N, C-alpha and C. Protein backbone atom coordinates (compact mmCIF):
# COMPACT_ATOMS: atom_id res chain seq x y z
N MET A 1 13.72 8.49 -15.87
CA MET A 1 12.98 9.57 -15.62
C MET A 1 11.88 9.52 -14.88
N MET A 2 11.59 10.36 -13.99
CA MET A 2 10.66 10.62 -13.03
C MET A 2 9.23 10.67 -13.45
N THR A 3 8.57 9.54 -12.92
CA THR A 3 6.90 9.67 -12.98
C THR A 3 6.23 10.84 -12.60
N ARG A 4 5.66 11.45 -12.96
CA ARG A 4 4.65 12.69 -12.17
C ARG A 4 3.37 12.23 -12.49
N ARG A 5 2.83 11.91 -11.22
CA ARG A 5 1.29 11.71 -11.30
C ARG A 5 0.44 12.79 -10.72
N SER A 6 -0.84 12.99 -11.36
CA SER A 6 -1.75 13.99 -10.71
C SER A 6 -3.19 13.30 -11.15
N SER A 7 -4.22 13.93 -10.49
CA SER A 7 -5.42 13.46 -10.54
C SER A 7 -6.54 14.74 -10.53
N VAL A 8 -7.62 14.58 -11.10
CA VAL A 8 -8.82 15.69 -11.05
C VAL A 8 -10.11 15.18 -10.51
N ILE A 9 -10.83 15.68 -9.53
CA ILE A 9 -12.12 15.08 -9.46
C ILE A 9 -12.96 15.89 -9.99
N ARG A 10 -14.11 15.39 -10.56
CA ARG A 10 -15.12 16.21 -11.14
C ARG A 10 -16.40 15.42 -10.79
N GLN A 11 -17.68 16.23 -11.21
CA GLN A 11 -18.71 15.59 -10.91
C GLN A 11 -19.59 15.60 -12.15
N GLN A 12 -20.29 14.38 -12.35
CA GLN A 12 -20.90 13.97 -13.78
C GLN A 12 -22.13 13.69 -13.76
N PRO A 13 -23.18 13.98 -14.66
CA PRO A 13 -24.51 13.43 -14.59
C PRO A 13 -24.36 11.70 -14.63
N TYR A 14 -25.11 11.05 -14.00
CA TYR A 14 -25.27 9.81 -14.05
C TYR A 14 -26.73 9.27 -14.30
N ASN A 15 -26.95 8.38 -15.30
CA ASN A 15 -28.20 7.86 -15.53
C ASN A 15 -28.14 6.43 -15.65
N ASN A 16 -28.66 5.68 -14.74
CA ASN A 16 -28.60 4.17 -14.54
C ASN A 16 -29.68 3.47 -15.29
N GLY A 17 -30.45 4.38 -15.73
CA GLY A 17 -31.77 3.94 -16.47
C GLY A 17 -32.84 3.36 -15.74
N SER A 18 -32.87 3.94 -14.39
CA SER A 18 -33.74 3.91 -13.36
C SER A 18 -34.05 5.14 -12.69
N SER A 19 -35.22 5.60 -12.26
CA SER A 19 -35.36 6.54 -11.44
C SER A 19 -34.94 6.56 -10.26
N LYS A 20 -34.62 5.45 -9.83
CA LYS A 20 -34.02 5.44 -8.14
C LYS A 20 -32.53 5.49 -8.51
N GLY A 21 -31.66 5.79 -7.32
CA GLY A 21 -30.27 5.95 -7.48
C GLY A 21 -29.87 7.40 -7.84
N PRO A 22 -28.51 7.73 -7.69
CA PRO A 22 -28.13 8.80 -7.68
C PRO A 22 -28.14 9.36 -9.22
N ASP A 23 -28.29 10.62 -9.43
CA ASP A 23 -28.31 11.27 -10.85
C ASP A 23 -26.95 11.96 -11.20
N THR A 24 -25.92 12.02 -10.23
CA THR A 24 -24.69 12.45 -10.63
C THR A 24 -23.87 11.41 -9.69
N CYS A 25 -22.59 11.32 -10.35
CA CYS A 25 -21.48 10.70 -9.66
C CYS A 25 -20.12 11.37 -9.84
N TYR A 26 -19.06 11.08 -8.72
CA TYR A 26 -18.10 11.70 -8.70
C TYR A 26 -17.26 10.86 -9.89
N VAL A 27 -16.26 11.39 -10.29
CA VAL A 27 -15.25 10.56 -11.33
C VAL A 27 -13.73 11.32 -11.06
N VAL A 28 -12.78 10.30 -11.15
CA VAL A 28 -11.36 10.77 -10.77
C VAL A 28 -10.75 10.43 -12.04
N ASP A 29 -10.24 11.30 -12.67
CA ASP A 29 -9.17 11.17 -14.03
C ASP A 29 -7.67 11.23 -13.28
N MET A 30 -7.06 10.11 -13.75
CA MET A 30 -5.85 9.62 -13.41
C MET A 30 -4.88 9.90 -14.27
N TYR A 31 -3.93 11.03 -13.96
CA TYR A 31 -2.85 11.22 -15.25
C TYR A 31 -1.39 10.61 -14.47
N GLU A 32 -0.65 10.44 -15.57
CA GLU A 32 0.79 10.33 -15.37
C GLU A 32 1.64 11.03 -16.56
N ASN A 33 2.56 11.58 -16.03
CA ASN A 33 3.30 12.57 -17.22
C ASN A 33 2.32 13.16 -17.88
N GLU A 34 1.19 13.92 -17.15
CA GLU A 34 0.42 14.57 -18.18
C GLU A 34 -0.40 13.99 -19.16
N GLU A 35 -0.43 12.63 -19.10
CA GLU A 35 -1.31 11.87 -20.11
C GLU A 35 -2.40 10.96 -19.16
N LEU A 36 -3.53 10.89 -19.75
CA LEU A 36 -4.89 10.27 -19.31
C LEU A 36 -4.54 8.88 -19.01
N ILE A 37 -4.36 8.24 -17.94
CA ILE A 37 -4.26 6.68 -17.79
C ILE A 37 -5.52 5.81 -17.45
N GLU A 38 -6.35 6.68 -16.64
CA GLU A 38 -7.75 5.99 -16.24
C GLU A 38 -8.55 6.87 -15.68
N THR A 39 -9.86 6.75 -16.12
CA THR A 39 -11.01 7.34 -15.50
C THR A 39 -11.92 6.43 -14.59
N ARG A 40 -12.14 6.90 -13.36
CA ARG A 40 -12.63 5.88 -12.59
C ARG A 40 -14.42 6.62 -12.07
N GLU A 41 -15.34 5.95 -12.48
CA GLU A 41 -16.56 6.54 -11.78
C GLU A 41 -16.91 6.10 -10.51
N LEU A 42 -17.13 6.79 -9.67
CA LEU A 42 -17.45 6.30 -8.50
C LEU A 42 -18.95 6.56 -8.05
N VAL A 43 -19.81 5.66 -8.46
CA VAL A 43 -21.07 5.77 -8.43
C VAL A 43 -21.50 5.44 -6.94
N GLY A 44 -22.27 6.34 -6.50
CA GLY A 44 -22.63 6.17 -5.08
C GLY A 44 -21.43 6.36 -4.05
N LYS A 45 -20.36 7.03 -4.31
CA LYS A 45 -19.51 7.28 -3.31
C LYS A 45 -19.58 8.70 -2.93
N SER A 46 -19.02 9.04 -1.83
CA SER A 46 -18.96 10.35 -1.65
C SER A 46 -17.85 11.15 -1.86
N LEU A 47 -17.91 12.38 -1.67
CA LEU A 47 -16.44 13.33 -2.25
C LEU A 47 -15.21 12.75 -1.34
N TYR A 48 -15.34 12.50 -0.21
CA TYR A 48 -14.48 12.06 0.68
C TYR A 48 -13.78 10.96 0.17
N TYR A 49 -14.62 9.93 -0.34
CA TYR A 49 -14.02 8.62 -1.08
C TYR A 49 -13.27 8.93 -2.26
N ALA A 50 -13.84 10.03 -3.33
CA ALA A 50 -13.35 10.41 -4.31
C ALA A 50 -11.70 11.13 -4.03
N GLU A 51 -11.73 11.79 -3.07
CA GLU A 51 -10.64 12.47 -2.70
C GLU A 51 -9.53 11.58 -2.08
N ASP A 52 -9.89 10.40 -1.39
CA ASP A 52 -8.91 9.44 -1.14
C ASP A 52 -8.40 8.49 -2.38
N CYS A 53 -9.36 8.16 -3.04
CA CYS A 53 -8.89 7.83 -4.46
C CYS A 53 -7.81 8.55 -5.36
N ALA A 54 -8.06 9.71 -5.39
CA ALA A 54 -7.11 10.70 -6.04
C ALA A 54 -5.95 10.87 -5.38
N ARG A 55 -5.88 10.86 -4.05
CA ARG A 55 -4.87 10.75 -3.27
C ARG A 55 -3.76 9.49 -3.10
N ASN A 56 -4.60 8.51 -3.36
CA ASN A 56 -3.83 7.20 -3.30
C ASN A 56 -3.22 6.81 -4.92
N TRP A 57 -3.76 7.66 -5.99
CA TRP A 57 -3.34 7.71 -7.15
C TRP A 57 -2.10 8.35 -7.24
N ASP A 58 -2.14 9.62 -6.69
CA ASP A 58 -1.12 10.69 -6.76
C ASP A 58 0.01 10.12 -5.85
N GLU A 59 -0.17 9.33 -4.73
CA GLU A 59 1.00 8.78 -4.00
C GLU A 59 1.53 7.58 -4.48
N GLY A 60 1.12 6.97 -5.51
CA GLY A 60 1.49 5.77 -6.10
C GLY A 60 1.01 4.46 -5.25
N ILE A 61 0.03 4.61 -4.57
CA ILE A 61 -0.65 3.44 -3.90
C ILE A 61 -1.33 2.74 -4.98
N ILE A 62 -2.16 3.33 -5.72
CA ILE A 62 -2.80 2.68 -6.82
C ILE A 62 -1.86 2.44 -8.01
N ASP A 63 -1.60 1.08 -8.58
CA ASP A 63 -0.67 0.74 -9.40
C ASP A 63 -1.29 1.26 -10.83
N ASN A 64 -0.37 1.46 -11.77
CA ASN A 64 -0.88 1.63 -13.17
C ASN A 64 -0.49 0.62 -13.82
N ASP A 65 -1.69 -0.09 -14.09
CA ASP A 65 -1.71 -1.60 -15.02
C ASP A 65 -1.52 -1.34 -16.32
N LYS A 66 -1.26 -0.46 -16.73
CA LYS A 66 -1.07 -0.35 -18.42
C LYS A 66 0.36 -0.18 -18.89
């Protein structure tokens, strides 16, 4: 069976308990065969970083440890 990978980038509120730091962060939801495998919070990272993370998952560069 061929494994199909996909990912979704979204932005969500982030509260680190301090008035300093970001109030939102990017999140990458990583799917394999339409099943959510992992969600990565990328606090303090740019959209470009999130896009690279998603692309690396989609192309199989990031391993599925589960």
